[in-house]
Amino acid sequence: MNFSKNQLIVIGIVGLVVIVFVLGLFGVIPGFKKTAVSDPNFPTGAVTLEMWGVGDEFSAYSDIVKGYQGVYKNVRLNYTKFDSAETYEKELINALAENRGPDIFMVHSSWIYQHWGKMYPASPLLLTPQIVAQTFPAVVSKDFVLSGNIFALPLSMDALALIYNKDIFNAKSIVFPPKTWDEFVTDVGKIREIDQNKKISLSAAALGAAYNVNNLPDILSVLAIQSGSAINNPSGDGILFDDAFNRTVQFYTQFSDPISPYYTWNESFDNSLASFASGKTAMILDYYGSLNEVKNRNAYLNFGIAALPQVNPQNPSQVANRTSYWGLAVSKQTANPYVSWHFIKYLTTNPQVIGGYLSSTGKLPAVLSMIQQNIGGDNDVFVREFLTAKSWYQADPQAIGTVMRGMINDILSGKINLQSAIKAAEESINKLYRPVQ
């Protein structure tokens, strides 16, 4: 068959179009391949998400948001920053009560039991408890998964560790920081300096008092868990301050008891971090996030970081550490729960994405694969502790902290004996709990 010149031109044009289309479809020609979202559950209409956070500047998320919007072009995200955790929690509760809250908000690892009713759990099409368990340390499932529902995912993690003054340790001929609480007590006896009038000139450790020890509720709870207490009642109804918890309170208060051979701290000192930074105290228990404040207060302080002492480090089932961290949750009021959780999953489970956030904020990773990469590095102590951290459900962390501090104060003041004070605290805390549906 013979074709005319015009017919050959038409055939050539059609053939060229087909070739261009095929090459573009397979990505050979940039910019031609289809970029629409393949997830059938993802909406195609415009979506605007409001996100609230604590401490983080928007710059920590800006590149991440740009990358996400590069694929999901119909999504926009607005961010509001809060400086204070206390102010933030109050404003968040008020906003949700008035139906003006955000779609996505930061939630502390101790808040889920208290605030789960305000949150929209993740769709099983996106996340399952098994995925959470495979992606994050076990404590994340304990903190953020309740009754089989995923209520939040962590952005980063932090852990309680022993921070010690190297110069004081060297002067007292103590070569290594204590690994056990028995060693800790021995070191307290070597370090403390106290006169005949019970005036402390050098404190060995900021422990024992009620109101000037940072992280007191966390310290008491992790000591109790190391000693075998679950704190939460096995029946699932509130808490139970058992014999292990009683021993913990006895151990803790000895450091502020003037008749104890290990008396080394009292309410006359500044708060624990300030006293440590000034060189007046040899050891404190605090978080990675506190290190910058120590350095800012005293740039020349020669200090080291050691793992939290353990009751019995030889028994893996008794090893317990304490974490404190923030995650992202979705409001029950959101009109876009699927997209909100889709963004949270993108932000918290993708190591490349997380790396940008961690670099911007200076925080430590929560994802297991990144924790593994950090073992043996500068923050080895902290990331190892993420793996052995344990927690308990708190009905109202702030109220529980107030009760615990009051309990310690009552014991030290002699207002009430130790057993009665612990029993009264248990009863007060149990009134805060309500059933989980």
Protein backbone atom coordinates (compact mmCIF):
# COMPACT_ATOMS: atom_id res chain seq x y z
CA MET A 1 0.00 0.00 0.00
CA ASN A 2 1.33 3.38 -1.00
CA PHE A 3 0.77 6.41 1.27
CA SER A 4 0.67 9.97 0.18
CA LYS A 5 3.08 12.51 1.59
CA ASN A 6 0.39 13.99 3.84
CA GLN A 7 -0.61 10.55 5.11
CA LEU A 8 3.04 9.77 5.98
CA ILE A 9 3.27 13.03 7.93
CA VAL A 10 0.13 12.21 9.92
CA ILE A 11 1.34 8.67 10.64
CA GLY A 12 4.70 10.05 11.75
CA ILE A 13 3.10 12.56 14.09
CA VAL A 14 0.83 9.91 15.61
CA GLY A 15 3.77 7.55 16.07
CA LEU A 16 5.84 10.27 17.72
CA VAL A 17 3.01 11.07 20.13
CA VAL A 18 2.67 7.39 21.05
CA ILE A 19 6.43 7.08 21.67
CA VAL A 20 6.51 10.23 23.80
CA PHE A 21 3.51 9.01 25.79
CA VAL A 22 5.03 5.56 26.43
CA LEU A 23 8.42 7.03 27.42
CA GLY A 24 6.75 9.54 29.68
CA LEU A 25 4.55 6.93 31.29
CA PHE A 26 7.60 4.87 32.24
CA GLY A 27 9.43 7.91 33.59
CA VAL A 28 12.02 8.17 30.82
CA ILE A 29 10.88 11.71 30.09
CA PRO A 30 10.98 13.72 33.35
CA GLY A 31 7.85 15.49 34.54
CA PHE A 32 5.49 13.39 32.45
CA LYS A 33 4.89 10.46 34.77
CA LYS A 34 1.63 10.58 36.67
CA THR A 35 2.07 12.03 40.19
CA ALA A 36 -1.40 11.52 41.57
CA VAL A 37 -1.66 9.75 44.94
CA SER A 38 -2.27 6.01 44.47
CA ASP A 39 -3.88 5.50 47.90
CA PRO A 40 -7.63 5.17 47.18
CA ASN A 41 -8.42 6.37 50.73
CA PHE A 42 -6.54 9.62 50.29
CA PRO A 43 -8.89 12.52 49.40
CA THR A 44 -8.40 14.39 46.14
CA GLY A 45 -9.91 17.68 47.31
CA ALA A 46 -8.04 20.46 49.09
CA VAL A 47 -7.08 19.66 52.71
CA THR A 48 -5.74 22.12 55.30
CA LEU A 49 -4.30 20.75 58.54
CA GLU A 50 -3.69 22.74 61.72
CA MET A 51 -0.82 21.44 63.86
CA TRP A 52 0.17 22.53 67.39
CA GLY A 53 3.56 21.84 68.96
CA VAL A 54 5.66 22.58 72.03
CA GLY A 55 9.11 24.11 71.78
CA ASP A 56 9.78 23.31 68.12
CA GLU A 57 10.04 26.14 65.62
CA PHE A 58 8.27 25.66 62.28
CA SER A 59 11.74 25.53 60.69
CA ALA A 60 12.07 22.03 62.17
CA TYR A 61 9.22 20.92 59.90
CA SER A 62 9.39 23.28 56.91
CA ASP A 63 11.50 21.05 54.63
CA ILE A 64 9.50 17.99 55.70
CA VAL A 65 6.22 19.72 54.88
CA LYS A 66 7.58 20.83 51.50
CA GLY A 67 8.60 17.27 50.69
CA TYR A 68 5.20 15.93 51.69
CA GLN A 69 3.36 18.58 49.69
CA GLY A 70 5.55 17.78 46.70
CA VAL A 71 3.75 14.44 46.49
CA TYR A 72 0.40 15.28 48.11
CA LYS A 73 -0.17 18.61 46.42
CA ASN A 74 -3.69 19.07 47.77
CA VAL A 75 -2.51 19.25 51.41
CA ARG A 76 -1.54 22.42 53.29
CA LEU A 77 -0.32 22.55 56.88
CA ASN A 78 -0.33 25.46 59.33
CA TYR A 79 1.75 25.27 62.52
CA THR A 80 1.38 26.98 65.91
CA LYS A 81 4.21 26.88 68.46
CA PHE A 82 3.84 26.96 72.26
CA ASP A 83 6.83 27.62 74.52
CA SER A 84 5.52 26.18 77.79
CA ALA A 85 4.20 22.64 78.21
CA GLU A 86 1.92 23.76 81.06
CA THR A 87 0.46 26.65 79.06
CA TYR A 88 0.14 24.42 76.02
CA GLU A 89 -1.83 21.69 77.81
CA LYS A 90 -4.30 24.19 79.25
CA GLU A 91 -4.79 25.96 75.91
CA LEU A 92 -5.17 22.65 74.09
CA ILE A 93 -7.84 21.39 76.50
CA ASN A 94 -9.73 24.70 76.26
CA ALA A 95 -9.51 24.76 72.46
CA LEU A 96 -10.78 21.20 72.12
CA ALA A 97 -13.61 21.92 74.57
CA GLU A 98 -14.62 24.91 72.41
CA ASN A 99 -14.30 22.96 69.14
CA ARG A 100 -11.48 25.18 67.85
CA GLY A 101 -8.58 22.81 68.38
CA PRO A 102 -5.97 21.63 65.87
CA ASP A 103 -6.11 18.56 63.65
CA ILE A 104 -2.68 17.36 64.84
CA PHE A 105 -1.16 18.13 68.22
CA MET A 106 1.81 17.18 70.34
CA VAL A 107 1.07 14.90 73.28
CA HIS A 108 3.46 13.92 76.08
CA SER A 109 4.22 10.26 76.61
CA SER A 110 2.48 10.36 80.01
CA TRP A 111 -0.76 11.96 78.77
CA ILE A 112 -2.53 9.19 76.85
CA TYR A 113 -4.44 7.66 79.75
CA GLN A 114 -5.66 11.13 80.72
CA HIS A 115 -6.52 12.48 77.26
CA TRP A 116 -7.25 9.45 75.04
CA GLY A 117 -10.91 10.48 74.75
CA LYS A 118 -9.87 13.63 72.89
CA MET A 119 -7.90 11.71 70.27
CA TYR A 120 -8.76 9.97 67.01
CA PRO A 121 -6.90 6.63 66.83
CA ALA A 122 -4.95 5.66 63.74
CA SER A 123 -6.71 3.80 60.97
CA PRO A 124 -5.57 0.15 60.70
CA LEU A 125 -5.22 0.84 56.98
CA LEU A 126 -2.21 3.00 57.91
CA LEU A 127 -0.88 1.61 61.19
CA THR A 128 -1.25 -1.42 63.42
CA PRO A 129 0.09 -2.20 66.90
CA GLN A 130 2.42 -4.69 65.23
CA ILE A 131 3.95 -1.94 63.08
CA VAL A 132 4.45 0.24 66.16
CA ALA A 133 6.13 -2.64 68.02
CA GLN A 134 8.46 -3.32 65.09
CA THR A 135 9.36 0.35 64.57
CA PHE A 136 9.82 1.77 68.08
CA PRO A 137 11.11 0.65 71.52
CA ALA A 138 8.64 -1.37 73.59
CA VAL A 139 7.85 1.57 75.88
CA VAL A 140 6.19 3.40 72.96
CA SER A 141 3.56 0.68 72.66
CA LYS A 142 3.00 0.91 76.42
CA ASP A 143 2.64 4.71 76.30
CA PHE A 144 0.83 5.31 73.01
CA VAL A 145 -1.18 2.13 72.30
CA LEU A 146 -4.23 1.70 74.52
CA SER A 147 -6.76 -1.13 74.20
CA GLY A 148 -5.34 -2.00 70.78
CA ASN A 149 -5.71 1.57 69.47
CA ILE A 150 -2.76 3.73 68.41
CA PHE A 151 -3.24 7.23 69.78
CA ALA A 152 0.15 8.83 69.02
CA LEU A 153 3.60 8.24 67.54
CA PRO A 154 6.86 9.73 68.87
CA LEU A 155 8.99 12.33 67.13
CA SER A 156 12.02 11.68 69.34
CA MET A 157 12.89 10.26 72.78
CA ASP A 158 14.70 11.20 75.98
CA ALA A 159 15.77 9.19 79.02
CA LEU A 160 16.70 9.76 82.64
CA ALA A 161 20.44 9.28 83.30
CA LEU A 162 23.05 9.89 85.98
CA ILE A 163 24.90 13.17 85.45
CA TYR A 164 28.03 13.46 87.62
CA ASN A 165 30.80 15.95 88.36
CA LYS A 166 34.07 14.41 87.16
CA ASP A 167 36.27 16.77 89.18
CA ILE A 168 34.52 15.82 92.42
CA PHE A 169 34.73 12.12 91.57
CA ASN A 170 38.47 12.45 90.86
CA ALA A 171 39.08 14.40 94.07
CA LYS A 172 37.29 11.68 96.06
CA SER A 173 39.24 8.91 94.25
CA ILE A 174 36.12 7.45 92.66
CA VAL A 175 37.18 6.07 89.28
CA PHE A 176 33.84 4.99 87.82
CA PRO A 177 30.26 6.22 88.28
CA PRO A 178 27.97 3.79 90.15
CA LYS A 179 26.21 1.08 88.17
CA THR A 180 23.99 -0.09 91.01
CA TRP A 181 22.11 1.70 93.78
CA ASP A 182 24.31 -0.08 96.33
CA GLU A 183 27.36 1.49 94.66
CA PHE A 184 25.51 4.80 94.54
CA VAL A 185 24.94 4.75 98.31
CA THR A 186 28.61 3.88 98.90
CA ASP A 187 29.68 6.82 96.74
CA VAL A 188 27.35 9.15 98.63
CA GLY A 189 29.19 8.22 101.83
CA LYS A 190 32.55 8.98 100.19
CA ILE A 191 31.55 12.28 98.58
CA ARG A 192 29.34 14.17 100.98
CA GLU A 193 30.88 16.75 103.26
CA ILE A 194 28.92 17.51 106.43
CA ASP A 195 29.90 19.07 109.75
CA GLN A 196 28.93 18.20 113.31
CA ASN A 197 25.93 20.52 113.08
CA LYS A 198 24.60 18.55 110.12
CA LYS A 199 25.37 21.41 107.74
CA ILE A 200 26.05 20.06 104.25
CA SER A 201 28.97 21.82 102.55
CA LEU A 202 29.13 19.40 99.61
CA SER A 203 26.12 17.36 98.53
CA ALA A 204 26.81 13.97 97.01
CA ALA A 205 23.43 13.70 95.29
CA ALA A 206 20.28 15.73 94.78
CA LEU A 207 17.85 13.15 96.15
CA GLY A 208 15.58 12.82 99.15
CA ALA A 209 13.60 16.06 99.32
CA ALA A 210 10.17 16.95 97.97
CA TYR A 211 10.29 20.28 96.17
CA ASN A 212 13.81 20.95 94.85
CA VAL A 213 14.52 17.65 93.08
CA ASN A 214 13.76 17.79 89.37
CA ASN A 215 11.85 14.79 88.00
CA LEU A 216 10.89 13.46 91.45
CA PRO A 217 7.82 11.47 90.23
CA ASP A 218 9.89 9.87 87.46
CA ILE A 219 12.70 9.01 89.87
CA LEU A 220 10.37 7.38 92.39
CA SER A 221 8.47 5.44 89.75
CA VAL A 222 11.53 4.02 87.98
CA LEU A 223 13.09 3.02 91.30
CA ALA A 224 9.87 1.24 92.23
CA ILE A 225 9.68 -0.54 88.87
CA GLN A 226 13.32 -1.65 89.21
CA SER A 227 12.38 -3.05 92.62
CA GLY A 228 9.55 -5.11 91.14
CA SER A 229 6.51 -2.85 91.42
CA ALA A 230 4.14 -2.41 88.47
CA ILE A 231 2.61 0.66 90.20
CA ASN A 232 -0.60 0.22 88.22
CA ASN A 233 -2.95 -2.15 89.99
CA PRO A 234 -2.88 -5.63 88.35
CA SER A 235 -6.69 -5.49 88.27
CA GLY A 236 -6.40 -2.53 85.91
CA ASP A 237 -8.16 -0.23 88.36
CA GLY A 238 -5.85 2.61 89.42
CA ILE A 239 -2.58 2.07 91.27
CA LEU A 240 -1.20 -0.08 94.07
CA PHE A 241 1.68 1.14 96.22
CA ASP A 242 3.05 -2.27 97.24
CA ASP A 243 6.04 -3.33 99.37
CA ALA A 244 8.44 -2.53 96.52
CA PHE A 245 7.10 1.02 96.36
CA ASN A 246 7.37 1.34 100.15
CA ARG A 247 11.02 0.25 100.01
CA THR A 248 11.60 2.82 97.26
CA VAL A 249 10.24 5.67 99.37
CA GLN A 250 12.36 4.53 102.32
CA PHE A 251 15.44 4.44 100.11
CA TYR A 252 14.72 7.85 98.61
CA THR A 253 14.00 9.74 101.84
CA GLN A 254 17.18 8.55 103.59
CA PHE A 255 19.18 11.11 101.60
CA SER A 256 17.28 13.97 103.26
CA ASP A 257 16.99 12.43 106.71
CA PRO A 258 19.44 14.16 109.12
CA ILE A 259 19.83 11.00 111.22
CA SER A 260 20.70 8.84 108.19
CA PRO A 261 24.39 8.01 107.55
CA TYR A 262 23.70 9.01 103.94
CA TYR A 263 22.13 12.40 104.63
CA THR A 264 23.28 14.61 101.75
CA TRP A 265 20.43 16.86 100.58
CA ASN A 266 17.70 19.10 101.98
CA GLU A 267 15.28 21.84 100.96
CA SER A 268 17.85 24.60 101.60
CA PHE A 269 19.56 23.83 98.27
CA ASP A 270 18.57 25.36 94.95
CA ASN A 271 16.79 23.00 92.57
CA SER A 272 18.86 19.97 91.67
CA LEU A 273 20.02 21.14 88.26
CA ALA A 274 21.08 24.60 89.50
CA SER A 275 22.93 23.10 92.46
CA PHE A 276 24.75 20.65 90.20
CA ALA A 277 25.71 23.34 87.70
CA SER A 278 27.16 25.48 90.50
CA GLY A 279 29.42 22.61 91.62
CA LYS A 280 27.70 22.19 95.00
CA THR A 281 26.29 18.74 94.18
CA ALA A 282 28.14 15.78 92.70
CA MET A 283 25.29 13.78 91.13
CA ILE A 284 21.82 14.42 89.73
CA LEU A 285 19.30 12.35 87.79
CA ASP A 286 18.08 14.25 84.76
CA TYR A 287 17.30 14.04 81.05
CA TYR A 288 19.32 14.62 77.89
CA GLY A 289 17.21 17.71 77.30
CA SER A 290 18.64 19.28 80.48
CA LEU A 291 22.27 19.16 79.34
CA ASN A 292 22.12 22.45 77.46
CA GLU A 293 20.86 24.20 80.59
CA VAL A 294 23.74 22.75 82.61
CA LYS A 295 26.21 24.03 80.00
CA ASN A 296 24.53 27.42 79.82
CA ARG A 297 24.73 27.81 83.60
CA ASN A 298 28.36 26.71 83.78
CA ALA A 299 30.27 26.34 80.52
CA TYR A 300 33.39 25.11 82.37
CA LEU A 301 31.78 22.36 84.42
CA ASN A 302 33.56 19.04 83.88
CA PHE A 303 30.73 16.52 83.95
CA GLY A 304 30.00 13.06 82.61
CA ILE A 305 26.95 10.97 81.74
CA ALA A 306 26.33 7.45 83.02
CA ALA A 307 23.46 5.02 82.79
CA LEU A 308 20.80 5.19 85.46
CA PRO A 309 21.88 2.92 88.35
CA GLN A 310 19.95 -0.33 88.65
CA VAL A 311 18.78 -2.46 91.57
CA ASN A 312 19.98 -5.64 89.87
CA PRO A 313 21.65 -5.05 86.47
CA GLN A 314 22.47 -8.78 86.17
CA ASN A 315 18.77 -9.65 85.85
CA PRO A 316 17.44 -8.34 82.49
CA SER A 317 13.84 -8.55 83.71
CA GLN A 318 14.63 -6.07 86.49
CA VAL A 319 16.49 -3.53 84.35
CA ALA A 320 14.30 -0.48 83.94
CA ASN A 321 14.88 3.03 82.72
CA ARG A 322 12.61 6.05 82.41
CA THR A 323 11.76 7.96 79.24
CA SER A 324 10.03 11.28 78.70
CA TYR A 325 9.12 12.36 75.18
CA TRP A 326 6.54 13.92 72.88
CA GLY A 327 4.54 12.41 70.07
CA LEU A 328 1.94 13.50 67.58
CA ALA A 329 -1.76 12.73 67.96
CA VAL A 330 -4.92 13.49 65.96
CA SER A 331 -7.88 15.36 67.40
CA LYS A 332 -11.19 13.58 67.59
CA GLN A 333 -12.71 16.76 66.13
CA THR A 334 -10.69 16.74 62.92
CA ALA A 335 -12.48 16.62 59.60
CA ASN A 336 -9.45 14.88 58.08
CA PRO A 337 -8.38 11.99 60.34
CA TYR A 338 -6.95 9.87 57.52
CA VAL A 339 -4.74 12.63 56.09
CA SER A 340 -3.67 13.70 59.58
CA TRP A 341 -2.52 10.21 60.44
CA HIS A 342 -1.00 9.80 56.98
CA PHE A 343 1.19 12.85 57.65
CA ILE A 344 2.13 11.65 61.15
CA LYS A 345 3.18 8.28 59.77
CA TYR A 346 5.25 10.01 57.08
CA LEU A 347 6.93 12.23 59.67
CA THR A 348 7.63 9.68 62.41
CA THR A 349 8.49 6.41 60.64
CA ASN A 350 10.65 7.50 57.70
CA PRO A 351 14.32 7.66 58.82
CA GLN A 352 15.28 10.16 56.12
CA VAL A 353 12.46 12.48 57.12
CA ILE A 354 13.15 12.03 60.85
CA GLY A 355 16.84 12.78 60.29
CA GLY A 356 15.98 16.30 59.16
CA TYR A 357 13.84 16.91 62.23
CA LEU A 358 16.48 15.57 64.63
CA SER A 359 19.24 17.62 62.99
CA SER A 360 17.15 20.76 63.33
CA THR A 361 16.13 20.20 66.97
CA GLY A 362 19.17 18.38 68.37
CA LYS A 363 16.96 15.63 69.79
CA LEU A 364 17.49 11.86 69.91
CA PRO A 365 15.76 9.28 67.68
CA ALA A 366 12.80 7.11 68.62
CA VAL A 367 12.93 4.77 65.60
CA LEU A 368 14.73 1.50 66.31
CA SER A 369 16.83 1.55 63.14
CA MET A 370 18.18 4.99 64.04
CA ILE A 371 18.72 4.04 67.68
CA GLN A 372 20.88 1.17 66.46
CA GLN A 373 22.95 3.60 64.41
CA ASN A 374 23.52 5.77 67.51
CA ILE A 375 24.68 2.98 69.80
CA GLY A 376 28.37 3.52 70.49
CA GLY A 377 28.12 7.20 69.61
CA ASP A 378 28.18 10.37 71.69
CA ASN A 379 24.71 9.70 73.11
CA ASP A 380 25.15 5.98 73.65
CA VAL A 381 23.95 6.08 77.29
CA PHE A 382 20.63 7.65 76.44
CA VAL A 383 19.73 5.64 73.32
CA ARG A 384 20.53 2.34 75.04
CA GLU A 385 18.15 3.29 77.83
CA PHE A 386 15.32 3.76 75.33
CA LEU A 387 15.41 0.00 74.77
CA THR A 388 14.90 -0.89 78.44
CA ALA A 389 12.53 1.92 79.44
CA LYS A 390 9.34 1.04 81.30
CA SER A 391 6.31 3.13 82.20
CA TRP A 392 2.89 3.09 83.85
CA TYR A 393 -0.49 4.64 83.10
CA GLN A 394 -0.98 8.00 84.83
CA ALA A 395 -4.48 9.39 85.20
CA ASP A 396 -3.19 12.95 85.68
CA PRO A 397 0.63 13.32 85.70
CA GLN A 398 0.63 16.82 87.16
CA ALA A 399 -1.76 15.93 89.99
CA ILE A 400 0.13 12.70 90.70
CA GLY A 401 3.38 14.65 90.94
CA THR A 402 1.80 17.03 93.42
CA VAL A 403 0.59 14.13 95.57
CA MET A 404 4.01 12.41 95.49
CA ARG A 405 5.82 15.59 96.51
CA GLY A 406 3.34 16.14 99.34
CA MET A 407 3.87 12.54 100.48
CA ILE A 408 7.66 13.00 100.68
CA ASN A 409 7.28 16.33 102.46
CA ASP A 410 4.91 14.83 105.04
CA ILE A 411 7.35 11.99 105.78
CA LEU A 412 10.39 14.23 106.15
CA SER A 413 8.56 16.77 108.29
CA GLY A 414 7.40 14.06 110.67
CA LYS A 415 3.80 15.06 110.11
CA ILE A 416 2.89 11.45 109.41
CA ASN A 417 4.79 8.15 109.38
CA LEU A 418 6.02 6.62 106.14
CA GLN A 419 3.42 3.86 105.84
CA SER A 420 0.51 6.20 106.54
CA ALA A 421 1.82 8.82 104.12
CA ILE A 422 2.16 6.27 101.32
CA LYS A 423 -1.33 4.90 101.99
CA ALA A 424 -2.84 8.39 101.94
CA ALA A 425 -1.03 9.17 98.66
CA GLU A 426 -2.30 5.92 97.09
CA GLU A 427 -5.89 6.79 98.02
CA SER A 428 -5.57 10.33 96.65
CA ILE A 429 -4.10 9.14 93.34
CA ASN A 430 -6.69 6.40 92.87
CA LYS A 431 -9.44 9.02 92.94
CA LEU A 432 -7.99 10.41 89.68
CA TYR A 433 -8.57 7.23 87.66
CA ARG A 434 -11.54 6.39 85.47
CA PRO A 435 -12.33 3.28 83.40
CA VAL A 436 -10.79 2.91 79.94
CA GLN A 437 -13.36 1.79 77.36
